[in-house]
């Protein structure tokens, strides 16, 4: 399958996930994380995770600036940290919404639309 068709397929799937009435959002967060990696959007994935961690750094007890130290950790480590903290503090919905909002913004970027069509 070509890269363009693959991206179209995934962004259509993301559009279907935009409902907040989904009961189990945790597995969908994992799916979105994996799909962004598969689409070679790892930088965007890293930014989404850093943004979520930064917004909740006081709650998570972090004193370091995640934007400065995030490259000391692998993308998988960042995801596991964010996901585990979200689960511990019952914030999976917040992490889910962070992914949905960011993916919508990525999709709406002019550069991305030109690549898709």
C-alpha atoms as a PDB file:
ATOM      1  CA  UNK A   1       0.000   0.000   0.000  1.00  0.00           C
ATOM      2  CA  UNK A   2       1.402   3.398  -0.911  1.00  0.00           C
ATOM      3  CA  UNK A   3       2.342   5.879   1.788  1.00  0.00           C
ATOM      4  CA  UNK A   4      -0.352   8.335   0.700  1.00  0.00           C
ATOM      5  CA  UNK A   5      -3.102   5.714   0.843  1.00  0.00           C
ATOM      6  CA  UNK A   6      -1.818   4.495   4.178  1.00  0.00           C
ATOM      7  CA  UNK A   7      -1.932   8.019   5.626  1.00  0.00           C
ATOM      8  CA  UNK A   8      -5.462   8.556   4.284  1.00  0.00           C
ATOM      9  CA  UNK A   9      -6.633   5.307   5.846  1.00  0.00           C
ATOM     10  CA  UNK A  10      -5.177   6.199   9.238  1.00  0.00           C
ATOM     11  CA  UNK A  11      -6.524   9.740   9.283  1.00  0.00           C
ATOM     12  CA  UNK A  12      -9.987   8.429   8.431  1.00  0.00           C
ATOM     13  CA  UNK A  13      -9.662   6.074  11.400  1.00  0.00           C
ATOM     14  CA  UNK A  14      -8.616   8.973  13.630  1.00  0.00           C
ATOM     15  CA  UNK A  15     -11.710  10.922  12.560  1.00  0.00           C
ATOM     16  CA  UNK A  16     -13.869   8.023  13.775  1.00  0.00           C
ATOM     17  CA  UNK A  17     -12.167   8.083  17.183  1.00  0.00           C
ATOM     18  CA  UNK A  18     -13.162  11.689  17.930  1.00  0.00           C
ATOM     19  CA  UNK A  19     -16.164  10.778  20.058  1.00  0.00           C
ATOM     20  CA  UNK A  20     -15.885  11.200  23.823  1.00  0.00           C
ATOM     21  CA  UNK A  21     -18.457   8.498  24.471  1.00  0.00           C
ATOM     22  CA  UNK A  22     -15.934   5.710  23.963  1.00  0.00           C
ATOM     23  CA  UNK A  23     -15.862   3.649  27.130  1.00  0.00           C
ATOM     24  CA  UNK A  24     -12.318   2.228  26.953  1.00  0.00           C
ATOM     25  CA  UNK A  25     -10.013   4.995  25.759  1.00  0.00           C
ATOM     26  CA  UNK A  26      -6.774   3.428  27.025  1.00  0.00           C
ATOM     27  CA  UNK A  27      -6.371   0.928  24.171  1.00  0.00           C
ATOM     28  CA  UNK A  28      -7.170   3.677  21.663  1.00  0.00           C
ATOM     29  CA  UNK A  29      -4.374   5.846  23.083  1.00  0.00           C
ATOM     30  CA  UNK A  30      -1.999   2.939  22.488  1.00  0.00           C
ATOM     31  CA  UNK A  31      -3.355   2.512  18.954  1.00  0.00           C
ATOM     32  CA  UNK A  32      -2.919   6.215  18.137  1.00  0.00           C
ATOM     33  CA  UNK A  33       0.622   6.149  19.536  1.00  0.00           C
ATOM     34  CA  UNK A  34       1.459   3.178  17.318  1.00  0.00           C
ATOM     35  CA  UNK A  35      -0.189   4.629  14.230  1.00  0.00           C
ATOM     36  CA  UNK A  36       1.714   7.908  14.536  1.00  0.00           C
ATOM     37  CA  UNK A  37       4.940   5.925  14.744  1.00  0.00           C
ATOM     38  CA  UNK A  38       3.919   3.870  11.732  1.00  0.00           C
ATOM     39  CA  UNK A  39       3.274   7.078   9.777  1.00  0.00           C
ATOM     40  CA  UNK A  40       6.786   8.327  10.672  1.00  0.00           C
ATOM     41  CA  UNK A  41       5.327  11.085  12.829  1.00  0.00           C
ATOM     42  CA  UNK A  42       7.555  10.291  15.804  1.00  0.00           C
ATOM     43  CA  UNK A  43       8.481  13.936  16.377  1.00  0.00           C
ATOM     44  CA  UNK A  44       4.803  14.822  16.650  1.00  0.00           C
ATOM     45  CA  UNK A  45       4.259  11.817  18.915  1.00  0.00           C
ATOM     46  CA  UNK A  46       7.103  12.982  21.176  1.00  0.00           C
ATOM     47  CA  UNK A  47       5.602  16.484  21.277  1.00  0.00           C
ATOM     48  CA  UNK A  48       2.153  15.155  22.248  1.00  0.00           C
ATOM     49  CA  UNK A  49       3.632  13.157  25.116  1.00  0.00           C
ATOM     50  CA  UNK A  50       5.832  16.022  26.305  1.00  0.00           C
ATOM     51  CA  UNK A  51       2.879  18.389  26.205  1.00  0.00           C
ATOM     52  CA  UNK A  52       0.760  16.035  28.318  1.00  0.00           C
ATOM     53  CA  UNK A  53       3.583  15.460  30.804  1.00  0.00           C
ATOM     54  CA  UNK A  54       4.364  19.181  31.009  1.00  0.00           C
ATOM     55  CA  UNK A  55       0.724  20.137  31.630  1.00  0.00           C
ATOM     56  CA  UNK A  56       0.604  17.718  34.549  1.00  0.00           C
ATOM     57  CA  UNK A  57       4.191  17.931  35.798  1.00  0.00           C
ATOM     58  CA  UNK A  58       3.205  19.343  39.199  1.00  0.00           C
ATOM     59  CA  UNK A  59       0.737  16.511  39.712  1.00  0.00           C
ATOM     60  CA  UNK A  60       3.318  13.941  38.603  1.00  0.00           C
ATOM     61  CA  UNK A  61       5.954  15.433  40.906  1.00  0.00           C
ATOM     62  CA  UNK A  62       8.392  16.417  38.150  1.00  0.00           C
ATOM     63  CA  UNK A  63      10.850  19.225  38.729  1.00  0.00           C
ATOM     64  CA  UNK A  64      12.753  19.037  35.428  1.00  0.00           C
ATOM     65  CA  UNK A  65      11.513  20.710  32.264  1.00  0.00           C
ATOM     66  CA  UNK A  66      10.389  17.802  30.101  1.00  0.00           C
ATOM     67  CA  UNK A  67      11.032  19.745  26.896  1.00  0.00           C
ATOM     68  CA  UNK A  68      14.723  20.024  27.776  1.00  0.00           C
ATOM     69  CA  UNK A  69      15.191  16.497  29.086  1.00  0.00           C
ATOM     70  CA  UNK A  70      12.905  14.494  26.793  1.00  0.00           C
ATOM     71  CA  UNK A  71      15.680  13.471  24.412  1.00  0.00           C
ATOM     72  CA  UNK A  72      17.370  11.626  27.268  1.00  0.00           C
ATOM     73  CA  UNK A  73      14.533   9.106  27.018  1.00  0.00           C
ATOM     74  CA  UNK A  74      13.297   6.923  24.204  1.00  0.00           C
ATOM     75  CA  UNK A  75       9.878   7.566  22.741  1.00  0.00           C
ATOM     76  CA  UNK A  76       8.674   4.296  24.270  1.00  0.00           C
ATOM     77  CA  UNK A  77       9.890   5.391  27.716  1.00  0.00           C
ATOM     78  CA  UNK A  78       8.033   8.695  27.389  1.00  0.00           C
ATOM     79  CA  UNK A  79       4.872   6.899  26.331  1.00  0.00           C
ATOM     80  CA  UNK A  80       5.040   4.382  29.165  1.00  0.00           C
ATOM     81  CA  UNK A  81       5.637   7.153  31.697  1.00  0.00           C
ATOM     82  CA  UNK A  82       2.759   9.274  30.385  1.00  0.00           C
ATOM     83  CA  UNK A  83       0.385   6.317  30.085  1.00  0.00           C
ATOM     84  CA  UNK A  84       1.191   4.927  33.546  1.00  0.00           C
ATOM     85  CA  UNK A  85       0.823   8.341  35.161  1.00  0.00           C
ATOM     86  CA  UNK A  86      -2.425   8.962  33.290  1.00  0.00           C
ATOM     87  CA  UNK A  87      -3.723   5.614  34.475  1.00  0.00           C
ATOM     88  CA  UNK A  88      -2.568   6.187  38.075  1.00  0.00           C
ATOM     89  CA  UNK A  89      -4.200   9.605  38.277  1.00  0.00           C
ATOM     90  CA  UNK A  90      -7.301   8.570  36.283  1.00  0.00           C
ATOM     91  CA  UNK A  91      -6.365  10.888  33.419  1.00  0.00           C
ATOM     92  CA  UNK A  92      -6.597   8.506  30.466  1.00  0.00           C
ATOM     93  CA  UNK A  93      -9.380  10.700  29.082  1.00  0.00           C
ATOM     94  CA  UNK A  94      -7.013  13.699  29.165  1.00  0.00           C
ATOM     95  CA  UNK A  95      -4.263  11.789  27.342  1.00  0.00           C
ATOM     96  CA  UNK A  96      -6.837  10.546  24.827  1.00  0.00           C
ATOM     97  CA  UNK A  97      -8.052  14.103  24.199  1.00  0.00           C
ATOM     98  CA  UNK A  98      -4.454  15.320  23.842  1.00  0.00           C
ATOM     99  CA  UNK A  99      -3.916  12.753  21.088  1.00  0.00           C
ATOM    100  CA  UNK A 100      -7.223  13.509  19.355  1.00  0.00           C
ATOM    101  CA  UNK A 101      -6.646  17.267  19.394  1.00  0.00           C
ATOM    102  CA  UNK A 102      -3.070  16.941  18.191  1.00  0.00           C
ATOM    103  CA  UNK A 103      -3.943  14.494  15.428  1.00  0.00           C
ATOM    104  CA  UNK A 104      -6.725  16.807  14.266  1.00  0.00           C
ATOM    105  CA  UNK A 105      -4.213  19.677  14.171  1.00  0.00           C
ATOM    106  CA  UNK A 106      -1.731  17.514  12.232  1.00  0.00           C
ATOM    107  CA  UNK A 107      -4.431  16.532   9.770  1.00  0.00           C
ATOM    108  CA  UNK A 108      -5.487  20.141   9.260  1.00  0.00           C
ATOM    109  CA  UNK A 109      -1.974  21.345   8.497  1.00  0.00           C
ATOM    110  CA  UNK A 110      -1.666  22.509   4.903  1.00  0.00           C
ATOM    111  CA  UNK A 111       1.522  20.473   4.341  1.00  0.00           C
ATOM    112  CA  UNK A 112      -0.155  17.269   5.487  1.00  0.00           C
ATOM    113  CA  UNK A 113      -3.210  17.811   3.324  1.00  0.00           C
ATOM    114  CA  UNK A 114      -0.983  18.328   0.281  1.00  0.00           C
ATOM    115  CA  UNK A 115       0.765  15.035   1.032  1.00  0.00           C
ATOM    116  CA  UNK A 116      -2.541  13.214   1.369  1.00  0.00           C
ATOM    117  CA  UNK A 117      -4.229  14.312  -1.827  1.00  0.00           C
END
